[in-house]
């Protein structure tokens, strides 16, 4: 009963009427991925780990939304609602999200196997596999400086994609890397929200 009461209290805290929240890994700041599936339960917010009493979330999911990686979760209130990238196909057909390409689920345009140019599915089958595609025309929010004292590091590489501007990949608002590997430009876990 006490555990159930804690879960209800945590759910009420996350659903606070004070504003929208973004949930992330407490140690690294990596954004949580929702929805995710663990066992037979689908989570649209952080779940309660019965073993240690801490909240957790998926930081990566498989194409079927099952949890691939997880972390202890913290949720923070968003203070602004900046613009999000607007991506449309370069044809008359709109982009269709999500779509699956080579076993990976995409919720935004991808540059995989297209010479670095973003593309999207313009139609999908019942399993979300793309059946037609087009190049994307994307307008990123005009963001370049981080909210904190550290400047954005451009370009930065996040999960194999190179970013030359702030991104909303796996987040509800634009962010950028504030530290990168000097040789590969890969994101190394330090980031900040961007000012747009």
C-alpha atoms as a PDB file:
ATOM      1  CA  UNK A   1       0.000   0.000   0.000  1.00  0.00           C
ATOM      2  CA  UNK A   2       2.838   2.405   0.861  1.00  0.00           C
ATOM      3  CA  UNK A   3       4.508   1.730  -2.509  1.00  0.00           C
ATOM      4  CA  UNK A   4       1.217   2.387  -4.310  1.00  0.00           C
ATOM      5  CA  UNK A   5       0.841   5.686  -2.409  1.00  0.00           C
ATOM      6  CA  UNK A   6       4.376   6.692  -3.414  1.00  0.00           C
ATOM      7  CA  UNK A   7       3.592   5.925  -7.071  1.00  0.00           C
ATOM      8  CA  UNK A   8       0.436   8.087  -6.918  1.00  0.00           C
ATOM      9  CA  UNK A   9       2.401  10.931  -5.289  1.00  0.00           C
ATOM     10  CA  UNK A  10       5.098  10.679  -7.963  1.00  0.00           C
ATOM     11  CA  UNK A  11       2.465  10.705 -10.727  1.00  0.00           C
ATOM     12  CA  UNK A  12       0.835  13.791  -9.231  1.00  0.00           C
ATOM     13  CA  UNK A  13       4.214  15.503  -8.987  1.00  0.00           C
ATOM     14  CA  UNK A  14       4.912  14.812 -12.662  1.00  0.00           C
ATOM     15  CA  UNK A  15       1.455  16.014 -13.691  1.00  0.00           C
ATOM     16  CA  UNK A  16       1.808  19.275 -11.773  1.00  0.00           C
ATOM     17  CA  UNK A  17      -0.442  22.043 -13.045  1.00  0.00           C
ATOM     18  CA  UNK A  18       2.472  24.482 -12.871  1.00  0.00           C
ATOM     19  CA  UNK A  19       3.520  23.740 -16.444  1.00  0.00           C
ATOM     20  CA  UNK A  20       4.904  21.254 -18.917  1.00  0.00           C
ATOM     21  CA  UNK A  21       7.831  19.130 -17.802  1.00  0.00           C
ATOM     22  CA  UNK A  22      10.683  17.463 -19.629  1.00  0.00           C
ATOM     23  CA  UNK A  23      12.121  14.282 -18.208  1.00  0.00           C
ATOM     24  CA  UNK A  24      15.782  13.321 -18.527  1.00  0.00           C
ATOM     25  CA  UNK A  25      18.456  11.044 -17.126  1.00  0.00           C
ATOM     26  CA  UNK A  26      19.417  12.496 -13.751  1.00  0.00           C
ATOM     27  CA  UNK A  27      23.153  11.798 -14.073  1.00  0.00           C
ATOM     28  CA  UNK A  28      23.811  12.635 -17.753  1.00  0.00           C
ATOM     29  CA  UNK A  29      20.919  14.925 -18.684  1.00  0.00           C
ATOM     30  CA  UNK A  30      20.132  12.762 -21.713  1.00  0.00           C
ATOM     31  CA  UNK A  31      16.447  13.234 -22.642  1.00  0.00           C
ATOM     32  CA  UNK A  32      14.014  10.407 -21.880  1.00  0.00           C
ATOM     33  CA  UNK A  33      12.239   8.702 -24.784  1.00  0.00           C
ATOM     34  CA  UNK A  34       8.456   8.298 -24.520  1.00  0.00           C
ATOM     35  CA  UNK A  35       6.469   6.174 -24.929  1.00  0.00           C
ATOM     36  CA  UNK A  36       8.556   3.138 -23.994  1.00  0.00           C
ATOM     37  CA  UNK A  37       7.588  -0.423 -23.111  1.00  0.00           C
ATOM     38  CA  UNK A  38       9.064  -2.453 -20.242  1.00  0.00           C
ATOM     39  CA  UNK A  39       7.639  -5.921 -19.891  1.00  0.00           C
ATOM     40  CA  UNK A  40       3.917  -5.569 -20.568  1.00  0.00           C
ATOM     41  CA  UNK A  41       3.624  -1.940 -19.455  1.00  0.00           C
ATOM     42  CA  UNK A  42       3.715   1.118 -21.732  1.00  0.00           C
ATOM     43  CA  UNK A  43       5.086   4.256 -20.058  1.00  0.00           C
ATOM     44  CA  UNK A  44       4.320   7.806 -21.178  1.00  0.00           C
ATOM     45  CA  UNK A  45       6.236   9.290 -18.254  1.00  0.00           C
ATOM     46  CA  UNK A  46       8.868   8.017 -15.815  1.00  0.00           C
ATOM     47  CA  UNK A  47       8.131   4.710 -14.119  1.00  0.00           C
ATOM     48  CA  UNK A  48       8.814   3.580 -10.571  1.00  0.00           C
ATOM     49  CA  UNK A  49      11.563   1.005 -10.017  1.00  0.00           C
ATOM     50  CA  UNK A  50      10.164  -1.262  -7.310  1.00  0.00           C
ATOM     51  CA  UNK A  51      13.649  -2.548  -6.437  1.00  0.00           C
ATOM     52  CA  UNK A  52      15.123   0.819  -5.398  1.00  0.00           C
ATOM     53  CA  UNK A  53      12.126   3.175  -5.243  1.00  0.00           C
ATOM     54  CA  UNK A  54      13.610   5.528  -7.863  1.00  0.00           C
ATOM     55  CA  UNK A  55      11.951   6.808 -11.021  1.00  0.00           C
ATOM     56  CA  UNK A  56      13.376   5.544 -14.324  1.00  0.00           C
ATOM     57  CA  UNK A  57      12.905   6.178 -18.039  1.00  0.00           C
ATOM     58  CA  UNK A  58      14.128   4.831 -21.356  1.00  0.00           C
ATOM     59  CA  UNK A  59      16.997   6.767 -22.907  1.00  0.00           C
ATOM     60  CA  UNK A  60      16.811   4.644 -26.078  1.00  0.00           C
ATOM     61  CA  UNK A  61      14.156   2.318 -27.457  1.00  0.00           C
ATOM     62  CA  UNK A  62      14.030  -0.480 -30.010  1.00  0.00           C
ATOM     63  CA  UNK A  63      11.862  -0.104 -33.152  1.00  0.00           C
ATOM     64  CA  UNK A  64       8.936  -1.714 -31.268  1.00  0.00           C
ATOM     65  CA  UNK A  65       9.310   0.898 -28.456  1.00  0.00           C
ATOM     66  CA  UNK A  66      10.668  -1.656 -25.966  1.00  0.00           C
ATOM     67  CA  UNK A  67      13.228  -0.159 -23.620  1.00  0.00           C
ATOM     68  CA  UNK A  68      16.797  -0.575 -24.893  1.00  0.00           C
ATOM     69  CA  UNK A  69      18.664   1.599 -22.342  1.00  0.00           C
ATOM     70  CA  UNK A  70      17.398   3.257 -19.172  1.00  0.00           C
ATOM     71  CA  UNK A  71      18.460   5.702 -16.469  1.00  0.00           C
ATOM     72  CA  UNK A  72      17.277   7.187 -13.185  1.00  0.00           C
ATOM     73  CA  UNK A  73      14.829   9.897 -14.217  1.00  0.00           C
ATOM     74  CA  UNK A  74      14.313  13.516 -13.177  1.00  0.00           C
ATOM     75  CA  UNK A  75      11.664  15.854 -14.559  1.00  0.00           C
ATOM     76  CA  UNK A  76      12.080  19.619 -14.777  1.00  0.00           C
ATOM     77  CA  UNK A  77       9.606  22.302 -15.711  1.00  0.00           C
ATOM     78  CA  UNK A  78       9.913  23.984 -19.093  1.00  0.00           C
ATOM     79  CA  UNK A  79       9.905  27.739 -18.813  1.00  0.00           C
ATOM     80  CA  UNK A  80       9.419  28.608 -22.489  1.00  0.00           C
ATOM     81  CA  UNK A  81       8.045  27.006 -25.597  1.00  0.00           C
ATOM     82  CA  UNK A  82      10.580  27.739 -28.341  1.00  0.00           C
ATOM     83  CA  UNK A  83       9.904  26.949 -31.985  1.00  0.00           C
ATOM     84  CA  UNK A  84      10.533  23.422 -33.189  1.00  0.00           C
ATOM     85  CA  UNK A  85      12.062  22.452 -36.525  1.00  0.00           C
ATOM     86  CA  UNK A  86       9.623  22.366 -39.388  1.00  0.00           C
ATOM     87  CA  UNK A  87      10.474  19.539 -41.753  1.00  0.00           C
ATOM     88  CA  UNK A  88       8.483  18.787 -44.839  1.00  0.00           C
ATOM     89  CA  UNK A  89       9.262  16.649 -47.824  1.00  0.00           C
ATOM     90  CA  UNK A  90      10.588  18.366 -50.914  1.00  0.00           C
ATOM     91  CA  UNK A  91       7.654  16.893 -52.852  1.00  0.00           C
ATOM     92  CA  UNK A  92       3.923  17.478 -52.590  1.00  0.00           C
ATOM     93  CA  UNK A  93       3.641  14.486 -50.231  1.00  0.00           C
ATOM     94  CA  UNK A  94       4.077  15.254 -46.511  1.00  0.00           C
ATOM     95  CA  UNK A  95       6.561  13.413 -44.302  1.00  0.00           C
ATOM     96  CA  UNK A  96       5.085  10.475 -42.375  1.00  0.00           C
ATOM     97  CA  UNK A  97       6.370   9.945 -38.818  1.00  0.00           C
ATOM     98  CA  UNK A  98       7.266   7.639 -37.267  1.00  0.00           C
ATOM     99  CA  UNK A  99       8.811   5.419 -39.923  1.00  0.00           C
ATOM    100  CA  UNK A 100      11.226   2.494 -39.720  1.00  0.00           C
ATOM    101  CA  UNK A 101      14.316   2.198 -41.910  1.00  0.00           C
ATOM    102  CA  UNK A 102      16.775  -0.685 -41.528  1.00  0.00           C
ATOM    103  CA  UNK A 103      15.320  -1.576 -38.126  1.00  0.00           C
ATOM    104  CA  UNK A 104      15.582   1.941 -36.652  1.00  0.00           C
ATOM    105  CA  UNK A 105      12.503   4.019 -35.785  1.00  0.00           C
ATOM    106  CA  UNK A 106      12.636   7.691 -36.852  1.00  0.00           C
ATOM    107  CA  UNK A 107      10.423  10.511 -35.541  1.00  0.00           C
ATOM    108  CA  UNK A 108      12.129  13.161 -37.671  1.00  0.00           C
ATOM    109  CA  UNK A 109      14.046  13.413 -40.933  1.00  0.00           C
ATOM    110  CA  UNK A 110      17.144  11.210 -41.161  1.00  0.00           C
ATOM    111  CA  UNK A 111      20.442  11.621 -43.013  1.00  0.00           C
ATOM    112  CA  UNK A 112      21.244   7.876 -43.004  1.00  0.00           C
ATOM    113  CA  UNK A 113      22.301   6.536 -46.429  1.00  0.00           C
ATOM    114  CA  UNK A 114      21.435   9.757 -48.261  1.00  0.00           C
ATOM    115  CA  UNK A 115      24.795  11.504 -48.549  1.00  0.00           C
ATOM    116  CA  UNK A 116      24.188  13.623 -45.438  1.00  0.00           C
ATOM    117  CA  UNK A 117      20.958  15.091 -46.820  1.00  0.00           C
ATOM    118  CA  UNK A 118      17.849  14.760 -44.626  1.00  0.00           C
ATOM    119  CA  UNK A 119      15.027  12.568 -45.919  1.00  0.00           C
ATOM    120  CA  UNK A 120      11.740  11.149 -44.647  1.00  0.00           C
ATOM    121  CA  UNK A 121       9.154   8.536 -45.473  1.00  0.00           C
ATOM    122  CA  UNK A 122       6.216   9.841 -47.483  1.00  0.00           C
ATOM    123  CA  UNK A 123       4.283   6.598 -47.025  1.00  0.00           C
ATOM    124  CA  UNK A 124       4.619   3.598 -44.701  1.00  0.00           C
ATOM    125  CA  UNK A 125       3.199   0.099 -44.468  1.00  0.00           C
ATOM    126  CA  UNK A 126       1.317  -1.352 -41.484  1.00  0.00           C
ATOM    127  CA  UNK A 127       4.629  -2.151 -39.738  1.00  0.00           C
ATOM    128  CA  UNK A 128       5.767   1.495 -40.222  1.00  0.00           C
ATOM    129  CA  UNK A 129       8.377   0.459 -42.801  1.00  0.00           C
ATOM    130  CA  UNK A 130       8.793   3.171 -45.415  1.00  0.00           C
ATOM    131  CA  UNK A 131       7.368   2.440 -48.862  1.00  0.00           C
ATOM    132  CA  UNK A 132       8.259   5.769 -50.485  1.00  0.00           C
ATOM    133  CA  UNK A 133      10.495   8.671 -49.497  1.00  0.00           C
ATOM    134  CA  UNK A 134      11.637  12.176 -50.402  1.00  0.00           C
ATOM    135  CA  UNK A 135      14.342  14.597 -49.355  1.00  0.00           C
ATOM    136  CA  UNK A 136      13.391  16.948 -46.518  1.00  0.00           C
ATOM    137  CA  UNK A 137      13.330  20.703 -46.437  1.00  0.00           C
ATOM    138  CA  UNK A 138      14.020  21.559 -42.797  1.00  0.00           C
ATOM    139  CA  UNK A 139      14.033  24.902 -41.099  1.00  0.00           C
ATOM    140  CA  UNK A 140      15.710  24.657 -37.704  1.00  0.00           C
ATOM    141  CA  UNK A 141      14.848  27.221 -35.047  1.00  0.00           C
ATOM    142  CA  UNK A 142      17.266  30.142 -35.129  1.00  0.00           C
ATOM    143  CA  UNK A 143      19.198  28.965 -32.064  1.00  0.00           C
ATOM    144  CA  UNK A 144      22.907  29.150 -31.472  1.00  0.00           C
ATOM    145  CA  UNK A 145      23.838  29.994 -27.893  1.00  0.00           C
ATOM    146  CA  UNK A 146      23.314  27.894 -24.825  1.00  0.00           C
ATOM    147  CA  UNK A 147      21.290  29.105 -21.834  1.00  0.00           C
ATOM    148  CA  UNK A 148      24.219  28.533 -19.479  1.00  0.00           C
ATOM    149  CA  UNK A 149      27.685  30.000 -19.444  1.00  0.00           C
ATOM    150  CA  UNK A 150      29.161  27.445 -21.872  1.00  0.00           C
ATOM    151  CA  UNK A 151      28.661  28.139 -25.604  1.00  0.00           C
ATOM    152  CA  UNK A 152      27.296  25.556 -28.022  1.00  0.00           C
ATOM    153  CA  UNK A 153      29.926  23.411 -29.771  1.00  0.00           C
ATOM    154  CA  UNK A 154      29.132  23.194 -33.500  1.00  0.00           C
ATOM    155  CA  UNK A 155      29.247  20.952 -35.310  1.00  0.00           C
ATOM    156  CA  UNK A 156      28.491  18.111 -32.901  1.00  0.00           C
ATOM    157  CA  UNK A 157      27.666  14.477 -33.624  1.00  0.00           C
ATOM    158  CA  UNK A 158      24.781  12.842 -31.753  1.00  0.00           C
ATOM    159  CA  UNK A 159      23.964   9.200 -32.498  1.00  0.00           C
ATOM    160  CA  UNK A 160      25.741   9.376 -35.847  1.00  0.00           C
ATOM    161  CA  UNK A 161      24.051  12.585 -37.054  1.00  0.00           C
ATOM    162  CA  UNK A 162      26.040  15.820 -37.421  1.00  0.00           C
ATOM    163  CA  UNK A 163      24.297  18.968 -36.168  1.00  0.00           C
ATOM    164  CA  UNK A 164      25.361  22.501 -37.154  1.00  0.00           C
ATOM    165  CA  UNK A 165      22.555  24.118 -35.171  1.00  0.00           C
ATOM    166  CA  UNK A 166      20.497  23.345 -32.082  1.00  0.00           C
ATOM    167  CA  UNK A 167      18.237  20.315 -32.358  1.00  0.00           C
ATOM    168  CA  UNK A 168      15.111  18.941 -30.707  1.00  0.00           C
ATOM    169  CA  UNK A 169      16.242  15.316 -31.208  1.00  0.00           C
ATOM    170  CA  UNK A 170      14.957  13.341 -28.163  1.00  0.00           C
ATOM    171  CA  UNK A 171      13.842  16.551 -26.427  1.00  0.00           C
ATOM    172  CA  UNK A 172      10.850  18.890 -26.240  1.00  0.00           C
ATOM    173  CA  UNK A 173      12.931  22.016 -26.887  1.00  0.00           C
ATOM    174  CA  UNK A 174      16.138  22.891 -28.754  1.00  0.00           C
ATOM    175  CA  UNK A 175      19.450  21.885 -27.183  1.00  0.00           C
ATOM    176  CA  UNK A 176      23.112  21.707 -28.164  1.00  0.00           C
ATOM    177  CA  UNK A 177      26.309  20.018 -27.053  1.00  0.00           C
ATOM    178  CA  UNK A 178      28.523  22.188 -24.855  1.00  0.00           C
ATOM    179  CA  UNK A 179      31.455  19.761 -24.967  1.00  0.00           C
ATOM    180  CA  UNK A 180      32.535  17.379 -27.717  1.00  0.00           C
ATOM    181  CA  UNK A 181      35.305  14.898 -28.434  1.00  0.00           C
ATOM    182  CA  UNK A 182      37.979  17.036 -30.113  1.00  0.00           C
ATOM    183  CA  UNK A 183      38.832  14.376 -32.695  1.00  0.00           C
ATOM    184  CA  UNK A 184      35.368  13.132 -33.678  1.00  0.00           C
ATOM    185  CA  UNK A 185      33.153  16.074 -32.609  1.00  0.00           C
ATOM    186  CA  UNK A 186      30.960  13.478 -30.834  1.00  0.00           C
ATOM    187  CA  UNK A 187      28.633  14.614 -28.024  1.00  0.00           C
ATOM    188  CA  UNK A 188      30.127  13.479 -24.690  1.00  0.00           C
ATOM    189  CA  UNK A 189      27.194  14.037 -22.342  1.00  0.00           C
ATOM    190  CA  UNK A 190      27.464  17.784 -21.654  1.00  0.00           C
ATOM    191  CA  UNK A 191      24.646  19.883 -23.116  1.00  0.00           C
ATOM    192  CA  UNK A 192      22.383  22.856 -22.547  1.00  0.00           C
ATOM    193  CA  UNK A 193      19.094  24.179 -23.845  1.00  0.00           C
ATOM    194  CA  UNK A 194      19.429  26.825 -26.546  1.00  0.00           C
ATOM    195  CA  UNK A 195      18.143  30.372 -26.648  1.00  0.00           C
ATOM    196  CA  UNK A 196      16.075  30.977 -29.741  1.00  0.00           C
END
